Amino acid sequence: MARNKVKLAFISDESKRRAAYNKRKNNVIKKVTELTTLCDVPACALNLLMFEYLRNNNVSDNSTAEELKGLDKVVGKMLKEVDNKINTLD
């Protein structure tokens, strides 16, 4: 039985959006694992848990640049950790 084509558009219902996010996030992780296993290559997926960060830091659509700098700081920290891990493997 054929599946219906999903219309790619913003999901306005937060609970449905969160469910779609989690489902797609898990699919990405599965694909990275398959790539690593099948092709014997190191692979990783960088996933920032946007819902967790936004909820914990009260970030809204009207956020200021100062509030969004925290998000940039988190991503920068994650990239530094990855770089340090790569350097230890060399």
N, C-alpha and C. Protein backbone atom coordinates (compact mmCIF):
# COMPACT_ATOMS: atom_id res chain seq x y z
N MET A 1 0.84 -1.17 0.00
CA MET A 1 0.00 0.00 0.00
C MET A 1 0.89 1.24 0.00
N ALA A 2 0.61 2.16 -0.87
CA ALA A 2 1.42 3.38 -1.01
C ALA A 2 1.11 4.36 0.12
N ARG A 3 2.14 5.09 0.52
CA ARG A 3 1.95 6.11 1.55
C ARG A 3 1.59 7.42 0.90
N ASN A 4 0.91 8.26 1.65
CA ASN A 4 0.60 9.59 1.15
C ASN A 4 1.85 10.46 1.23
N LYS A 5 2.00 11.32 0.27
CA LYS A 5 3.14 12.23 0.26
C LYS A 5 2.94 13.29 1.36
N VAL A 6 3.98 13.52 2.12
CA VAL A 6 3.92 14.49 3.21
C VAL A 6 4.16 15.88 2.66
N LYS A 7 3.28 16.80 3.00
CA LYS A 7 3.47 18.19 2.60
C LYS A 7 4.49 18.81 3.55
N LEU A 8 5.59 19.30 2.99
CA LEU A 8 6.62 19.90 3.83
C LEU A 8 6.26 21.35 4.10
N ALA A 9 5.77 21.60 5.28
CA ALA A 9 5.40 22.93 5.72
C ALA A 9 5.53 22.96 7.23
N PHE A 10 5.62 24.15 7.76
CA PHE A 10 5.74 24.32 9.21
C PHE A 10 4.54 23.70 9.92
N ILE A 11 4.80 22.95 10.97
CA ILE A 11 3.75 22.33 11.77
C ILE A 11 3.43 23.28 12.92
N SER A 12 2.25 23.85 12.89
CA SER A 12 1.91 24.88 13.89
C SER A 12 1.56 24.29 15.25
N ASP A 13 1.03 23.08 15.30
CA ASP A 13 0.70 22.43 16.57
C ASP A 13 1.99 21.94 17.22
N GLU A 14 2.30 22.49 18.41
CA GLU A 14 3.58 22.19 19.04
C GLU A 14 3.76 20.71 19.36
N SER A 15 2.73 20.03 19.83
CA SER A 15 2.88 18.61 20.17
C SER A 15 3.13 17.77 18.92
N LYS A 16 2.46 18.09 17.82
CA LYS A 16 2.70 17.37 16.56
C LYS A 16 4.09 17.69 16.02
N ARG A 17 4.52 18.94 16.17
CA ARG A 17 5.84 19.34 15.72
C ARG A 17 6.92 18.61 16.51
N ARG A 18 6.73 18.50 17.81
CA ARG A 18 7.70 17.80 18.67
C ARG A 18 7.77 16.32 18.30
N ALA A 19 6.61 15.71 18.04
CA ALA A 19 6.58 14.29 17.66
C ALA A 19 7.30 14.08 16.32
N ALA A 20 7.06 14.96 15.36
CA ALA A 20 7.72 14.85 14.05
C ALA A 20 9.23 15.04 14.21
N TYR A 21 9.63 15.98 15.06
CA TYR A 21 11.06 16.23 15.30
C TYR A 21 11.72 14.98 15.86
N ASN A 22 11.12 14.39 16.88
CA ASN A 22 11.71 13.21 17.51
C ASN A 22 11.78 12.03 16.54
N LYS A 23 10.74 11.85 15.74
CA LYS A 23 10.72 10.76 14.77
C LYS A 23 11.83 10.94 13.73
N ARG A 24 11.95 12.13 13.19
CA ARG A 24 12.97 12.38 12.18
C ARG A 24 14.38 12.35 12.77
N LYS A 25 14.52 12.82 14.01
CA LYS A 25 15.83 12.76 14.68
C LYS A 25 16.27 11.31 14.82
N ASN A 26 15.36 10.46 15.24
CA ASN A 26 15.70 9.04 15.40
C ASN A 26 16.05 8.40 14.07
N ASN A 27 15.38 8.81 13.00
CA ASN A 27 15.70 8.28 11.67
C ASN A 27 17.10 8.71 11.22
N VAL A 28 17.49 9.93 11.54
CA VAL A 28 18.84 10.40 11.19
C VAL A 28 19.88 9.59 11.93
N ILE A 29 19.66 9.35 13.21
CA ILE A 29 20.60 8.56 14.01
C ILE A 29 20.72 7.15 13.45
N LYS A 30 19.59 6.58 13.05
CA LYS A 30 19.59 5.23 12.46
C LYS A 30 20.41 5.22 11.17
N LYS A 31 20.25 6.23 10.33
CA LYS A 31 20.99 6.29 9.06
C LYS A 31 22.49 6.43 9.29
N VAL A 32 22.88 7.22 10.27
CA VAL A 32 24.30 7.39 10.58
C VAL A 32 24.89 6.06 11.05
N THR A 33 24.14 5.35 11.88
CA THR A 33 24.59 4.03 12.36
C THR A 33 24.74 3.06 11.19
N GLU A 34 23.77 3.07 10.28
CA GLU A 34 23.85 2.19 9.11
C GLU A 34 25.05 2.54 8.24
N LEU A 35 25.30 3.81 8.04
CA LEU A 35 26.44 4.25 7.24
C LEU A 35 27.75 3.77 7.85
N THR A 36 27.87 3.89 9.15
CA THR A 36 29.07 3.46 9.85
C THR A 36 29.27 1.95 9.72
N THR A 37 28.19 1.20 9.87
CA THR A 37 28.27 -0.26 9.81
C THR A 37 28.53 -0.76 8.39
N LEU A 38 27.78 -0.28 7.44
CA LEU A 38 27.87 -0.78 6.06
C LEU A 38 29.14 -0.37 5.35
N CYS A 39 29.59 0.85 5.59
CA CYS A 39 30.72 1.38 4.83
C CYS A 39 32.01 1.43 5.64
N ASP A 40 31.96 1.07 6.91
CA ASP A 40 33.12 1.07 7.79
C ASP A 40 33.83 2.42 7.78
N VAL A 41 33.02 3.47 7.93
CA VAL A 41 33.57 4.83 8.01
C VAL A 41 33.09 5.48 9.30
N PRO A 42 33.94 6.31 9.90
CA PRO A 42 33.48 7.03 11.08
C PRO A 42 32.47 8.10 10.67
N ALA A 43 31.37 8.17 11.37
CA ALA A 43 30.35 9.16 11.06
C ALA A 43 29.71 9.62 12.35
N CYS A 44 29.24 10.83 12.34
CA CYS A 44 28.52 11.33 13.51
C CYS A 44 27.43 12.29 13.04
N ALA A 45 26.46 12.48 13.87
CA ALA A 45 25.39 13.43 13.59
C ALA A 45 25.35 14.42 14.74
N LEU A 46 25.43 15.67 14.41
CA LEU A 46 25.36 16.72 15.42
C LEU A 46 23.92 17.17 15.50
N ASN A 47 23.31 16.97 16.64
CA ASN A 47 21.91 17.30 16.80
C ASN A 47 21.75 18.19 18.03
N LEU A 48 21.31 19.38 17.79
CA LEU A 48 21.05 20.29 18.90
C LEU A 48 19.60 20.14 19.28
N LEU A 49 19.36 19.82 20.51
CA LEU A 49 17.98 19.61 20.96
C LEU A 49 17.29 20.96 21.11
N MET A 50 16.78 21.46 20.00
CA MET A 50 16.19 22.79 19.96
C MET A 50 15.04 22.96 20.95
N PHE A 51 14.16 21.98 21.03
CA PHE A 51 13.01 22.11 21.91
C PHE A 51 13.45 22.24 23.36
N GLU A 52 14.41 21.42 23.76
CA GLU A 52 14.92 21.47 25.13
C GLU A 52 15.56 22.83 25.41
N TYR A 53 16.40 23.28 24.49
CA TYR A 53 17.10 24.54 24.71
C TYR A 53 16.12 25.71 24.76
N LEU A 54 15.20 25.75 23.82
CA LEU A 54 14.27 26.87 23.76
C LEU A 54 13.36 26.90 24.98
N ARG A 55 12.91 25.74 25.43
CA ARG A 55 12.02 25.70 26.59
C ARG A 55 12.77 26.11 27.86
N ASN A 56 13.99 25.60 28.03
CA ASN A 56 14.76 25.87 29.24
C ASN A 56 15.22 27.32 29.32
N ASN A 57 15.39 27.99 28.19
CA ASN A 57 15.91 29.34 28.18
C ASN A 57 14.87 30.38 27.79
N ASN A 58 13.60 29.97 27.75
CA ASN A 58 12.50 30.89 27.45
C ASN A 58 12.76 31.72 26.20
N VAL A 59 13.21 31.07 25.14
CA VAL A 59 13.45 31.76 23.88
C VAL A 59 12.18 31.70 23.06
N SER A 60 11.78 32.82 22.52
CA SER A 60 10.56 32.88 21.72
C SER A 60 10.88 33.45 20.34
N ASP A 61 9.84 33.60 19.52
CA ASP A 61 10.03 34.18 18.19
C ASP A 61 10.50 35.63 18.28
N ASN A 62 10.27 36.28 19.41
CA ASN A 62 10.65 37.68 19.60
C ASN A 62 11.96 37.82 20.36
N SER A 63 12.79 36.80 20.31
CA SER A 63 14.03 36.80 21.08
C SER A 63 15.00 37.86 20.57
N THR A 64 15.78 38.37 21.50
CA THR A 64 16.79 39.36 21.15
C THR A 64 18.08 38.67 20.75
N ALA A 65 18.99 39.41 20.19
CA ALA A 65 20.28 38.87 19.79
C ALA A 65 21.02 38.31 21.01
N GLU A 66 20.89 38.97 22.16
CA GLU A 66 21.57 38.50 23.37
C GLU A 66 21.08 37.11 23.76
N GLU A 67 19.77 36.89 23.67
CA GLU A 67 19.22 35.59 24.04
C GLU A 67 19.70 34.51 23.09
N LEU A 68 19.85 34.85 21.83
CA LEU A 68 20.26 33.86 20.84
C LEU A 68 21.77 33.58 20.88
N LYS A 69 22.55 34.44 21.52
CA LYS A 69 23.98 34.20 21.65
C LYS A 69 24.24 32.94 22.47
N GLY A 70 23.34 32.65 23.40
CA GLY A 70 23.48 31.43 24.20
C GLY A 70 23.43 30.19 23.34
N LEU A 71 22.58 30.22 22.34
CA LEU A 71 22.48 29.10 21.42
C LEU A 71 23.78 28.92 20.65
N ASP A 72 24.35 30.02 20.20
CA ASP A 72 25.63 29.99 19.49
C ASP A 72 26.72 29.43 20.40
N LYS A 73 26.67 29.78 21.67
CA LYS A 73 27.66 29.31 22.65
C LYS A 73 27.58 27.78 22.81
N VAL A 74 26.37 27.24 22.85
CA VAL A 74 26.18 25.80 22.99
C VAL A 74 26.76 25.06 21.78
N VAL A 75 26.47 25.55 20.58
CA VAL A 75 26.97 24.92 19.37
C VAL A 75 28.49 25.00 19.33
N GLY A 76 29.05 26.15 19.69
CA GLY A 76 30.50 26.30 19.73
C GLY A 76 31.16 25.33 20.68
N LYS A 77 30.54 25.12 21.83
CA LYS A 77 31.08 24.18 22.82
C LYS A 77 31.06 22.76 22.26
N MET A 78 29.98 22.40 21.59
CA MET A 78 29.88 21.06 21.02
C MET A 78 30.96 20.84 19.95
N LEU A 79 31.18 21.86 19.12
CA LEU A 79 32.19 21.74 18.07
C LEU A 79 33.60 21.63 18.65
N LYS A 80 33.88 22.34 19.74
CA LYS A 80 35.18 22.24 20.39
C LYS A 80 35.40 20.85 20.95
N GLU A 81 34.35 20.26 21.52
CA GLU A 81 34.47 18.90 22.06
C GLU A 81 34.76 17.90 20.96
N VAL A 82 34.10 18.06 19.83
CA VAL A 82 34.34 17.16 18.68
C VAL A 82 35.77 17.33 18.19
N ASP A 83 36.22 18.57 18.08
CA ASP A 83 37.59 18.83 17.63
C ASP A 83 38.61 18.22 18.58
N ASN A 84 38.40 18.35 19.88
CA ASN A 84 39.30 17.76 20.86
C ASN A 84 39.33 16.24 20.73
N LYS A 85 38.18 15.64 20.50
CA LYS A 85 38.10 14.19 20.34
C LYS A 85 38.86 13.75 19.10
N ILE A 86 38.72 14.49 18.02
CA ILE A 86 39.43 14.17 16.77
C ILE A 86 40.93 14.27 17.00
N ASN A 87 41.39 15.30 17.70
CA ASN A 87 42.81 15.48 17.96
C ASN A 87 43.39 14.36 18.81
N THR A 88 42.60 13.80 19.71
CA THR A 88 43.10 12.70 20.54
C THR A 88 43.20 11.42 19.73
N LEU A 89 42.43 11.30 18.65
CA LEU A 89 42.47 10.10 17.83
C LEU A 89 43.66 10.10 16.87
N ASP A 90 44.16 11.28 16.54
CA ASP A 90 45.28 11.38 15.57
C ASP A 90 46.58 10.94 16.14
